[in-house]
Amino acid sequence: MDDKTEVLYRTDARNPRIARITLNRPARFNAIAAGTPAALRCAVERANDDDGVHVIVLDGAGDAFCSGYDLKDFAEQPGANPGYQERMPWDPMLDYRFMKRCTDDFMSLWRSHKPTIARVQKYAVAGGSDIALCCDFIVMDEDARIGYPPARVWGCPTTAMWVYRVGAERAKRLLLTGDLIDGRTALQWGLASAAVPLAELDAAVAQLADRMSGVPRNQLMMQKLMVNQAYESMGLQHTQMIATLFDGITRHSPEGVWFKELAAREGFHSAVRWRDSGQIIPQGDAARDAAEQLRGGS
């Protein structure tokens, strides 16, 4: 798909002080393709350069917000790709360069001078949760699900925003299990600003966006910079560096190679079902042997 169509930009016809950015791969539940992060960043920069815009709303076309990186491209296809090096030993800095660029692109939402709101329906999972958590506010369908299942195998959230958004214990609860939470729980945990029935989601987003859109741009910018600086002082950039390095390691560990071979052999849907089923994931030498068997077709 043409990178330019992966992310759409428009000014809200109802309130021109609101910019609308839409992840636009609905047939894949807005899964992240190679060009999506850069296209998202360009849209955020466009909104920041427009003096008429005060607030940015990010949503997803179709039924879901974002299902994460497109595993049909990154896991199911045999051989190397931007997120996986087939030849060993792998170069961790080559992987880091690619994923750090994606992380910085997602963080354009967090570092945007104008407030950002994620409108989440159905799913914001894996890399999709990274995108949502980079927004200042998350407004959810109460039945929507958010979380990072690749924490079980083949992933570490490179933005590292979970601990900053929900605290250490709840971040561990999600990342040590790969479990998802619904919008109601996200609201209870303080992750979501609101969780409403799907039919009321647009109204809830509009209410928050409209309230902020009446505030002068410079006021919005100063207040946001002040709050964000507290997080930067906690070491956010250092945490993201470690998380991005770990993400590359998870995709090239014995278990990560096994998962990649399983996805290439059985399809990523089957691999994800196994990952999320609670079954014991092969480890160490067992994972190496299982990967060899899959690769050899036995």
C-alpha atoms as a PDB file:
ATOM      1  CA  MET A   1       0.000   0.000   0.000  1.00  0.00           C
ATOM      2  CA  ASP A   2       1.229   3.500  -0.774  1.00  0.00           C
ATOM      3  CA  ASP A   3       2.636   4.987   2.443  1.00  0.00           C
ATOM      4  CA  LYS A   4       0.685   8.179   1.810  1.00  0.00           C
ATOM      5  CA  THR A   5      -2.618   6.333   2.193  1.00  0.00           C
ATOM      6  CA  GLU A   6      -1.714   4.503   5.405  1.00  0.00           C
ATOM      7  CA  VAL A   7      -2.409   7.597   7.502  1.00  0.00           C
ATOM      8  CA  LEU A   8      -5.083  10.171   6.630  1.00  0.00           C
ATOM      9  CA  TYR A   9      -5.207  13.798   7.773  1.00  0.00           C
ATOM     10  CA  ARG A  10      -8.062  16.256   7.825  1.00  0.00           C
ATOM     11  CA  THR A  11      -9.435  19.162   9.822  1.00  0.00           C
ATOM     12  CA  ASP A  12     -12.639  18.384  11.701  1.00  0.00           C
ATOM     13  CA  ALA A  13     -15.525  19.925   9.757  1.00  0.00           C
ATOM     14  CA  ARG A  14     -17.487  20.433  12.979  1.00  0.00           C
ATOM     15  CA  ASN A  15     -14.643  22.156  14.846  1.00  0.00           C
ATOM     16  CA  PRO A  16     -11.719  23.383  12.689  1.00  0.00           C
ATOM     17  CA  ARG A  17      -9.522  23.694  15.786  1.00  0.00           C
ATOM     18  CA  ILE A  18      -9.366  19.876  15.860  1.00  0.00           C
ATOM     19  CA  ALA A  19      -7.123  17.897  13.497  1.00  0.00           C
ATOM     20  CA  ARG A  20      -8.155  14.306  12.765  1.00  0.00           C
ATOM     21  CA  ILE A  21      -5.449  11.733  12.022  1.00  0.00           C
ATOM     22  CA  THR A  22      -6.680   8.294  10.954  1.00  0.00           C
ATOM     23  CA  LEU A  23      -4.746   5.022  10.751  1.00  0.00           C
ATOM     24  CA  ASN A  24      -6.022   3.748   7.432  1.00  0.00           C
ATOM     25  CA  ARG A  25      -5.535   0.025   6.877  1.00  0.00           C
ATOM     26  CA  PRO A  26      -8.983  -1.186   7.956  1.00  0.00           C
ATOM     27  CA  ALA A  27      -8.737  -4.538   6.156  1.00  0.00           C
ATOM     28  CA  ARG A  28      -5.810  -5.390   8.493  1.00  0.00           C
ATOM     29  CA  PHE A  29      -7.321  -3.722  11.579  1.00  0.00           C
ATOM     30  CA  ASN A  30      -4.919  -0.841  10.904  1.00  0.00           C
ATOM     31  CA  ALA A  31      -1.864  -3.007  11.432  1.00  0.00           C
ATOM     32  CA  ILE A  32       1.421  -1.123  11.290  1.00  0.00           C
ATOM     33  CA  ALA A  33       3.252  -1.447   7.970  1.00  0.00           C
ATOM     34  CA  ALA A  34       6.844  -0.360   7.391  1.00  0.00           C
ATOM     35  CA  GLY A  35       5.794   3.136   6.319  1.00  0.00           C
ATOM     36  CA  THR A  36       3.120   3.748   8.953  1.00  0.00           C
ATOM     37  CA  PRO A  37       5.271   5.246  11.753  1.00  0.00           C
ATOM     38  CA  ALA A  38       6.856   7.878   9.494  1.00  0.00           C
ATOM     39  CA  ALA A  39       3.483   8.733   7.936  1.00  0.00           C
ATOM     40  CA  LEU A  40       2.011   9.165  11.413  1.00  0.00           C
ATOM     41  CA  ARG A  41       4.822  11.482  12.428  1.00  0.00           C
ATOM     42  CA  CYS A  42       4.348  13.585   9.282  1.00  0.00           C
ATOM     43  CA  ALA A  43       0.662  13.997  10.115  1.00  0.00           C
ATOM     44  CA  VAL A  44       1.442  15.057  13.692  1.00  0.00           C
ATOM     45  CA  GLU A  45       3.982  17.584  12.419  1.00  0.00           C
ATOM     46  CA  ARG A  46       1.439  18.909   9.932  1.00  0.00           C
ATOM     47  CA  ALA A  47      -1.031  19.520  12.756  1.00  0.00           C
ATOM     48  CA  ASN A  48       1.629  21.223  14.853  1.00  0.00           C
ATOM     49  CA  ASP A  49       2.555  23.507  11.961  1.00  0.00           C
ATOM     50  CA  ASP A  50      -1.069  24.607  11.494  1.00  0.00           C
ATOM     51  CA  ASP A  51      -1.766  27.594  13.754  1.00  0.00           C
ATOM     52  CA  GLY A  52      -5.485  26.967  13.380  1.00  0.00           C
ATOM     53  CA  VAL A  53      -5.240  23.571  15.094  1.00  0.00           C
ATOM     54  CA  HIS A  54      -5.345  23.322  18.892  1.00  0.00           C
ATOM     55  CA  VAL A  55      -6.054  19.607  19.467  1.00  0.00           C
ATOM     56  CA  ILE A  56      -5.217  16.368  17.625  1.00  0.00           C
ATOM     57  CA  VAL A  57      -7.520  13.334  17.608  1.00  0.00           C
ATOM     58  CA  LEU A  58      -6.058  10.006  16.442  1.00  0.00           C
ATOM     59  CA  ASP A  59      -8.389   7.192  15.434  1.00  0.00           C
ATOM     60  CA  GLY A  60      -8.482   4.046  13.340  1.00  0.00           C
ATOM     61  CA  ALA A  61     -10.503   3.408  10.192  1.00  0.00           C
ATOM     62  CA  GLY A  62     -13.026   0.592  10.305  1.00  0.00           C
ATOM     63  CA  ASP A  63     -13.623  -1.665  13.282  1.00  0.00           C
ATOM     64  CA  ALA A  64     -10.406  -1.304  15.314  1.00  0.00           C
ATOM     65  CA  PHE A  65      -7.876   1.274  16.467  1.00  0.00           C
ATOM     66  CA  CYS A  66      -4.694  -0.710  15.727  1.00  0.00           C
ATOM     67  CA  SER A  67      -3.771  -4.392  15.925  1.00  0.00           C
ATOM     68  CA  GLY A  68      -0.016  -3.788  16.177  1.00  0.00           C
ATOM     69  CA  TYR A  69       2.756  -4.410  13.690  1.00  0.00           C
ATOM     70  CA  ASP A  70       1.541  -6.337  10.669  1.00  0.00           C
ATOM     71  CA  LEU A  71       2.755  -9.855  11.418  1.00  0.00           C
ATOM     72  CA  LYS A  72       1.806 -10.975   7.924  1.00  0.00           C
ATOM     73  CA  ASP A  73       4.697  -8.787   6.770  1.00  0.00           C
ATOM     74  CA  PHE A  74       7.060  -8.998   9.742  1.00  0.00           C
ATOM     75  CA  ALA A  75       6.561 -12.587  10.973  1.00  0.00           C
ATOM     76  CA  GLU A  76       4.721 -14.724   8.430  1.00  0.00           C
ATOM     77  CA  GLN A  77       6.862 -13.982   5.372  1.00  0.00           C
ATOM     78  CA  PRO A  78       9.920 -16.273   5.258  1.00  0.00           C
ATOM     79  CA  GLY A  79      13.352 -14.700   5.504  1.00  0.00           C
ATOM     80  CA  ALA A  80      14.622 -11.348   6.659  1.00  0.00           C
ATOM     81  CA  ASN A  81      12.687  -8.093   6.920  1.00  0.00           C
ATOM     82  CA  PRO A  82      13.253  -4.732   8.664  1.00  0.00           C
ATOM     83  CA  GLY A  83      12.341  -6.291  12.021  1.00  0.00           C
ATOM     84  CA  TYR A  84      14.080  -9.639  11.681  1.00  0.00           C
ATOM     85  CA  GLN A  85      17.581 -10.632  10.584  1.00  0.00           C
ATOM     86  CA  GLU A  86      17.743 -14.171   9.272  1.00  0.00           C
ATOM     87  CA  ARG A  87      21.529 -14.303   9.154  1.00  0.00           C
ATOM     88  CA  MET A  88      23.223 -14.954  12.482  1.00  0.00           C
ATOM     89  CA  PRO A  89      24.886 -13.536  14.438  1.00  0.00           C
ATOM     90  CA  TRP A  90      22.441 -10.662  14.165  1.00  0.00           C
ATOM     91  CA  ASP A  91      23.513  -7.042  14.394  1.00  0.00           C
ATOM     92  CA  PRO A  92      21.684  -5.490  17.371  1.00  0.00           C
ATOM     93  CA  MET A  93      22.494  -1.942  16.288  1.00  0.00           C
ATOM     94  CA  LEU A  94      20.966  -2.465  12.853  1.00  0.00           C
ATOM     95  CA  ASP A  95      17.766  -3.595  14.542  1.00  0.00           C
ATOM     96  CA  TYR A  96      17.973  -0.763  17.074  1.00  0.00           C
ATOM     97  CA  ARG A  97      18.268   1.865  14.341  1.00  0.00           C
ATOM     98  CA  PHE A  98      15.041   0.681  12.695  1.00  0.00           C
ATOM     99  CA  MET A  99      13.019   0.293  15.889  1.00  0.00           C
ATOM    100  CA  LYS A 100      14.329   3.513  17.450  1.00  0.00           C
ATOM    101  CA  ARG A 101      13.088   5.384  14.390  1.00  0.00           C
ATOM    102  CA  CYS A 102       9.632   3.796  14.806  1.00  0.00           C
ATOM    103  CA  THR A 103       9.648   4.631  18.519  1.00  0.00           C
ATOM    104  CA  ASP A 104      10.565   8.257  17.855  1.00  0.00           C
ATOM    105  CA  ASP A 105       7.811   8.447  15.248  1.00  0.00           C
ATOM    106  CA  PHE A 106       5.225   7.182  17.748  1.00  0.00           C
ATOM    107  CA  MET A 107       6.557   9.538  20.414  1.00  0.00           C
ATOM    108  CA  SER A 108       5.812  12.487  18.141  1.00  0.00           C
ATOM    109  CA  LEU A 109       2.320  12.171  19.649  1.00  0.00           C
ATOM    110  CA  TRP A 110       3.701  12.508  23.188  1.00  0.00           C
ATOM    111  CA  ARG A 111       6.048  15.357  22.274  1.00  0.00           C
ATOM    112  CA  SER A 112       3.517  17.138  20.088  1.00  0.00           C
ATOM    113  CA  HIS A 113       3.098  20.742  21.252  1.00  0.00           C
ATOM    114  CA  LYS A 114      -0.638  20.231  20.943  1.00  0.00           C
ATOM    115  CA  PRO A 115      -2.625  17.744  23.041  1.00  0.00           C
ATOM    116  CA  THR A 116      -3.358  14.368  21.482  1.00  0.00           C
ATOM    117  CA  ILE A 117      -6.346  12.093  22.070  1.00  0.00           C
ATOM    118  CA  ALA A 118      -6.504   8.424  21.044  1.00  0.00           C
ATOM    119  CA  ARG A 119     -10.021   7.250  20.158  1.00  0.00           C
ATOM    120  CA  VAL A 120      -9.864   3.500  20.799  1.00  0.00           C
ATOM    121  CA  GLN A 121     -12.399   0.976  19.585  1.00  0.00           C
ATOM    122  CA  LYS A 122     -12.135  -2.828  19.605  1.00  0.00           C
ATOM    123  CA  TYR A 123      -8.338  -3.278  19.811  1.00  0.00           C
ATOM    124  CA  ALA A 124      -5.238  -1.286  20.664  1.00  0.00           C
ATOM    125  CA  VAL A 125      -2.782  -4.140  21.043  1.00  0.00           C
ATOM    126  CA  ALA A 126       0.948  -4.744  20.683  1.00  0.00           C
ATOM    127  CA  GLY A 127       2.415  -1.853  18.675  1.00  0.00           C
ATOM    128  CA  GLY A 128      -1.071  -0.374  18.585  1.00  0.00           C
ATOM    129  CA  SER A 129      -0.947   0.026  22.362  1.00  0.00           C
ATOM    130  CA  ASP A 130       2.419   1.781  21.955  1.00  0.00           C
ATOM    131  CA  ILE A 131       0.711   4.319  19.693  1.00  0.00           C
ATOM    132  CA  ALA A 132      -2.267   4.807  22.022  1.00  0.00           C
ATOM    133  CA  LEU A 133      -0.082   5.214  25.111  1.00  0.00           C
ATOM    134  CA  CYS A 134       1.957   7.917  23.387  1.00  0.00           C
ATOM    135  CA  CYS A 135      -1.166  10.076  23.225  1.00  0.00           C
ATOM    136  CA  ASP A 136      -1.924  12.413  26.115  1.00  0.00           C
ATOM    137  CA  PHE A 137      -5.430  11.011  26.530  1.00  0.00           C
ATOM    138  CA  ILE A 138      -7.075   7.683  25.726  1.00  0.00           C
ATOM    139  CA  VAL A 139     -10.849   7.561  25.294  1.00  0.00           C
ATOM    140  CA  MET A 140     -12.079   3.987  24.900  1.00  0.00           C
ATOM    141  CA  ASP A 141     -15.049   1.943  23.920  1.00  0.00           C
ATOM    142  CA  GLU A 142     -15.740   0.214  27.237  1.00  0.00           C
ATOM    143  CA  ASP A 143     -15.561  -3.191  25.529  1.00  0.00           C
ATOM    144  CA  ALA A 144     -12.341  -2.411  23.636  1.00  0.00           C
ATOM    145  CA  ARG A 145      -9.179  -4.253  24.618  1.00  0.00           C
ATOM    146  CA  ILE A 146      -5.704  -2.847  25.178  1.00  0.00           C
ATOM    147  CA  GLY A 147      -2.438  -4.557  26.051  1.00  0.00           C
ATOM    148  CA  TYR A 148       0.832  -5.991  24.784  1.00  0.00           C
ATOM    149  CA  PRO A 149       0.541  -9.755  24.045  1.00  0.00           C
ATOM    150  CA  PRO A 150       4.011  -9.941  22.379  1.00  0.00           C
ATOM    151  CA  ALA A 151       5.430  -9.623  25.896  1.00  0.00           C
ATOM    152  CA  ARG A 152       4.917 -13.412  25.985  1.00  0.00           C
ATOM    153  CA  VAL A 153       7.341 -13.893  23.098  1.00  0.00           C
ATOM    154  CA  TRP A 154       8.734 -11.781  20.202  1.00  0.00           C
ATOM    155  CA  GLY A 155       8.347  -8.325  21.658  1.00  0.00           C
ATOM    156  CA  CYS A 156       9.078  -5.643  24.249  1.00  0.00           C
ATOM    157  CA  PRO A 157       7.129  -2.346  24.104  1.00  0.00           C
ATOM    158  CA  THR A 158       9.726   0.055  22.748  1.00  0.00           C
ATOM    159  CA  THR A 159       7.982   3.214  23.946  1.00  0.00           C
ATOM    160  CA  ALA A 160       8.101   1.783  27.495  1.00  0.00           C
ATOM    161  CA  MET A 161       5.058   3.864  28.379  1.00  0.00           C
ATOM    162  CA  TRP A 162       3.228   1.245  30.449  1.00  0.00           C
ATOM    163  CA  VAL A 163       5.104   1.910  33.682  1.00  0.00           C
ATOM    164  CA  TYR A 164       4.618   5.656  33.301  1.00  0.00           C
ATOM    165  CA  ARG A 165       0.899   5.332  32.587  1.00  0.00           C
ATOM    166  CA  VAL A 166      -0.211   2.670  35.102  1.00  0.00           C
ATOM    167  CA  GLY A 167       2.660   2.264  37.583  1.00  0.00           C
ATOM    168  CA  ALA A 168       5.111  -0.540  38.206  1.00  0.00           C
ATOM    169  CA  GLU A 169       2.846  -3.275  39.608  1.00  0.00           C
ATOM    170  CA  ARG A 170       0.156  -2.969  36.947  1.00  0.00           C
ATOM    171  CA  ALA A 171       2.754  -2.660  34.195  1.00  0.00           C
ATOM    172  CA  LYS A 172       4.295  -5.918  35.419  1.00  0.00           C
ATOM    173  CA  ARG A 173       0.845  -7.502  35.630  1.00  0.00           C
ATOM    174  CA  LEU A 174       0.320  -6.833  31.923  1.00  0.00           C
ATOM    175  CA  LEU A 175       3.840  -7.373  30.595  1.00  0.00           C
ATOM    176  CA  LEU A 176       4.596 -10.562  32.542  1.00  0.00           C
ATOM    177  CA  THR A 177       1.398 -12.187  31.259  1.00  0.00           C
ATOM    178  CA  GLY A 178       0.655 -10.511  27.919  1.00  0.00           C
ATOM    179  CA  ASP A 179      -2.954 -10.131  29.080  1.00  0.00           C
ATOM    180  CA  LEU A 180      -5.352  -7.490  27.778  1.00  0.00           C
ATOM    181  CA  ILE A 181      -7.655  -5.224  29.777  1.00  0.00           C
ATOM    182  CA  ASP A 182     -10.942  -3.740  28.646  1.00  0.00           C
ATOM    183  CA  GLY A 183     -11.934  -0.094  28.599  1.00  0.00           C
ATOM    184  CA  ARG A 184     -13.681  -0.312  31.964  1.00  0.00           C
ATOM    185  CA  THR A 185     -10.535  -1.597  33.645  1.00  0.00           C
ATOM    186  CA  ALA A 186      -8.398   0.955  31.799  1.00  0.00           C
ATOM    187  CA  LEU A 187     -10.608   3.674  33.254  1.00  0.00           C
ATOM    188  CA  GLN A 188     -10.331   2.220  36.776  1.00  0.00           C
ATOM    189  CA  TRP A 189      -6.541   2.089  36.430  1.00  0.00           C
ATOM    190  CA  GLY A 190      -6.336   5.701  35.272  1.00  0.00           C
ATOM    191  CA  LEU A 191      -5.063   4.678  31.840  1.00  0.00           C
ATOM    192  CA  ALA A 192      -8.178   5.861  30.006  1.00  0.00           C
ATOM    193  CA  SER A 193      -9.756   9.272  30.533  1.00  0.00           C
ATOM    194  CA  ALA A 194     -13.164   7.834  29.679  1.00  0.00           C
ATOM    195  CA  ALA A 195     -14.703   4.471  28.776  1.00  0.00           C
ATOM    196  CA  VAL A 196     -18.150   4.543  27.231  1.00  0.00           C
ATOM    197  CA  PRO A 197     -20.369   2.358  25.030  1.00  0.00           C
ATOM    198  CA  LEU A 198     -19.233   2.372  21.424  1.00  0.00           C
ATOM    199  CA  ALA A 199     -22.266   4.397  20.355  1.00  0.00           C
ATOM    200  CA  GLU A 200     -21.157   7.193  22.704  1.00  0.00           C
ATOM    201  CA  LEU A 201     -17.447   7.122  21.833  1.00  0.00           C
ATOM    202  CA  ASP A 202     -17.456   9.945  19.293  1.00  0.00           C
ATOM    203  CA  ALA A 203     -19.397  12.200  21.653  1.00  0.00           C
ATOM    204  CA  ALA A 204     -16.960  11.509  24.509  1.00  0.00           C
ATOM    205  CA  VAL A 205     -13.969  12.306  22.295  1.00  0.00           C
ATOM    206  CA  ALA A 206     -15.633  15.459  20.984  1.00  0.00           C
ATOM    207  CA  GLN A 207     -16.463  16.650  24.498  1.00  0.00           C
ATOM    208  CA  LEU A 208     -12.822  16.438  25.606  1.00  0.00           C
ATOM    209  CA  ALA A 209     -11.400  17.836  22.356  1.00  0.00           C
ATOM    210  CA  ASP A 210     -13.863  20.735  22.318  1.00  0.00           C
ATOM    211  CA  ARG A 211     -13.070  21.641  25.915  1.00  0.00           C
ATOM    212  CA  MET A 212      -9.348  21.946  25.164  1.00  0.00           C
ATOM    213  CA  SER A 213      -9.805  23.577  21.762  1.00  0.00           C
ATOM    214  CA  GLY A 214     -10.953  26.812  23.411  1.00  0.00           C
ATOM    215  CA  VAL A 215      -7.672  27.210  25.296  1.00  0.00           C
ATOM    216  CA  PRO A 216      -4.941  29.352  23.665  1.00  0.00           C
ATOM    217  CA  ARG A 217      -2.275  27.305  21.875  1.00  0.00           C
ATOM    218  CA  ASN A 218       0.537  28.706  23.986  1.00  0.00           C
ATOM    219  CA  GLN A 219      -1.266  27.736  27.205  1.00  0.00           C
ATOM    220  CA  LEU A 220      -1.774  24.186  25.958  1.00  0.00           C
ATOM    221  CA  MET A 221       1.874  23.956  24.956  1.00  0.00           C
ATOM    222  CA  MET A 222       3.247  25.260  28.263  1.00  0.00           C
ATOM    223  CA  GLN A 223       1.081  23.024  30.433  1.00  0.00           C
ATOM    224  CA  LYS A 224       1.934  19.944  28.372  1.00  0.00           C
ATOM    225  CA  LEU A 225       5.674  20.696  28.358  1.00  0.00           C
ATOM    226  CA  MET A 226       5.620  21.131  32.116  1.00  0.00           C
ATOM    227  CA  VAL A 227       3.930  17.769  32.746  1.00  0.00           C
ATOM    228  CA  ASN A 228       6.047  15.914  30.183  1.00  0.00           C
ATOM    229  CA  GLN A 229       9.242  17.281  31.702  1.00  0.00           C
ATOM    230  CA  ALA A 230       8.440  15.439  34.925  1.00  0.00           C
ATOM    231  CA  TYR A 231       8.425  12.160  32.977  1.00  0.00           C
ATOM    232  CA  GLU A 232      11.625  13.033  31.139  1.00  0.00           C
ATOM    233  CA  SER A 233      13.254  13.645  34.529  1.00  0.00           C
ATOM    234  CA  MET A 234      12.249  10.141  35.580  1.00  0.00           C
ATOM    235  CA  GLY A 235      14.451   8.753  32.801  1.00  0.00           C
ATOM    236  CA  LEU A 236      11.926   8.114  30.032  1.00  0.00           C
ATOM    237  CA  GLN A 237      14.500   8.331  27.233  1.00  0.00           C
ATOM    238  CA  HIS A 238      16.870   5.925  28.987  1.00  0.00           C
ATOM    239  CA  THR A 239      14.048   3.468  29.621  1.00  0.00           C
ATOM    240  CA  GLN A 240      13.072   3.601  25.949  1.00  0.00           C
ATOM    241  CA  MET A 241      16.648   2.913  24.864  1.00  0.00           C
ATOM    242  CA  ILE A 242      16.734  -0.260  26.967  1.00  0.00           C
ATOM    243  CA  ALA A 243      13.245  -1.313  25.855  1.00  0.00           C
ATOM    244  CA  THR A 244      14.125  -0.844  22.175  1.00  0.00           C
ATOM    245  CA  LEU A 245      17.287  -2.932  22.558  1.00  0.00           C
ATOM    246  CA  PHE A 246      15.334  -5.626  24.396  1.00  0.00           C
ATOM    247  CA  ASP A 247      12.686  -5.641  21.668  1.00  0.00           C
ATOM    248  CA  GLY A 248      15.341  -6.555  19.108  1.00  0.00           C
ATOM    249  CA  ILE A 249      16.685  -9.286  21.369  1.00  0.00           C
ATOM    250  CA  THR A 250      13.220 -10.831  21.801  1.00  0.00           C
ATOM    251  CA  ARG A 251      12.929 -11.253  18.031  1.00  0.00           C
ATOM    252  CA  HIS A 252      16.345 -12.941  17.730  1.00  0.00           C
ATOM    253  CA  SER A 253      16.429 -15.074  20.886  1.00  0.00           C
ATOM    254  CA  PRO A 254      15.944 -18.859  20.539  1.00  0.00           C
ATOM    255  CA  GLU A 255      12.300 -18.374  21.477  1.00  0.00           C
ATOM    256  CA  GLY A 256      11.923 -15.465  19.065  1.00  0.00           C
ATOM    257  CA  VAL A 257      13.371 -17.458  16.176  1.00  0.00           C
ATOM    258  CA  TRP A 258      11.010 -20.321  17.028  1.00  0.00           C
ATOM    259  CA  PHE A 259       8.031 -17.948  16.906  1.00  0.00           C
ATOM    260  CA  LYS A 260       9.150 -16.516  13.556  1.00  0.00           C
ATOM    261  CA  GLU A 261       9.547 -20.013  12.077  1.00  0.00           C
ATOM    262  CA  LEU A 262       6.154 -21.047  13.456  1.00  0.00           C
ATOM    263  CA  ALA A 263       4.523 -17.993  11.865  1.00  0.00           C
ATOM    264  CA  ALA A 264       6.263 -18.680   8.540  1.00  0.00           C
ATOM    265  CA  ARG A 265       5.235 -22.345   8.625  1.00  0.00           C
ATOM    266  CA  GLU A 266       1.708 -22.179  10.062  1.00  0.00           C
ATOM    267  CA  GLY A 267       0.717 -18.540   9.435  1.00  0.00           C
ATOM    268  CA  PHE A 268       0.868 -15.710  11.940  1.00  0.00           C
ATOM    269  CA  HIS A 269      -2.719 -16.267  13.123  1.00  0.00           C
ATOM    270  CA  SER A 270      -1.787 -19.762  14.296  1.00  0.00           C
ATOM    271  CA  ALA A 271       1.414 -18.496  15.895  1.00  0.00           C
ATOM    272  CA  VAL A 272      -0.448 -15.758  17.752  1.00  0.00           C
ATOM    273  CA  ARG A 273      -3.114 -18.214  18.953  1.00  0.00           C
ATOM    274  CA  TRP A 274      -0.360 -20.423  20.381  1.00  0.00           C
ATOM    275  CA  ARG A 275       1.394 -17.446  21.971  1.00  0.00           C
ATOM    276  CA  ASP A 276      -1.775 -16.180  23.640  1.00  0.00           C
ATOM    277  CA  SER A 277      -3.263 -19.550  24.610  1.00  0.00           C
ATOM    278  CA  GLY A 278      -1.312 -19.947  27.836  1.00  0.00           C
ATOM    279  CA  GLN A 279       0.564 -23.000  26.570  1.00  0.00           C
ATOM    280  CA  ILE A 280       4.184 -23.372  27.650  1.00  0.00           C
ATOM    281  CA  ILE A 281       6.523 -21.732  25.143  1.00  0.00           C
ATOM    282  CA  PRO A 282       9.641 -23.771  24.330  1.00  0.00           C
ATOM    283  CA  GLN A 283      12.780 -22.271  25.816  1.00  0.00           C
ATOM    284  CA  GLY A 284      16.516 -22.365  25.169  1.00  0.00           C
ATOM    285  CA  ASP A 285      17.695 -25.534  23.447  1.00  0.00           C
ATOM    286  CA  ALA A 286      14.119 -26.791  23.144  1.00  0.00           C
ATOM    287  CA  ALA A 287      13.213 -23.617  21.251  1.00  0.00           C
ATOM    288  CA  ARG A 288      16.257 -24.025  18.964  1.00  0.00           C
ATOM    289  CA  ASP A 289      15.309 -27.619  18.215  1.00  0.00           C
ATOM    290  CA  ALA A 290      11.684 -26.677  17.550  1.00  0.00           C
ATOM    291  CA  ALA A 291      12.771 -23.880  15.204  1.00  0.00           C
ATOM    292  CA  GLU A 292      15.038 -26.264  13.297  1.00  0.00           C
ATOM    293  CA  GLN A 293      12.200 -28.755  12.894  1.00  0.00           C
ATOM    294  CA  LEU A 294       9.894 -26.060  11.574  1.00  0.00           C
ATOM    295  CA  ARG A 295      12.525 -24.754   9.205  1.00  0.00           C
ATOM    296  CA  GLY A 296      13.312 -28.242   7.975  1.00  0.00           C
ATOM    297  CA  GLY A 297       9.672 -29.052   7.358  1.00  0.00           C
ATOM    298  CA  SER A 298       9.702 -32.093   9.580  1.00  0.00           C
END
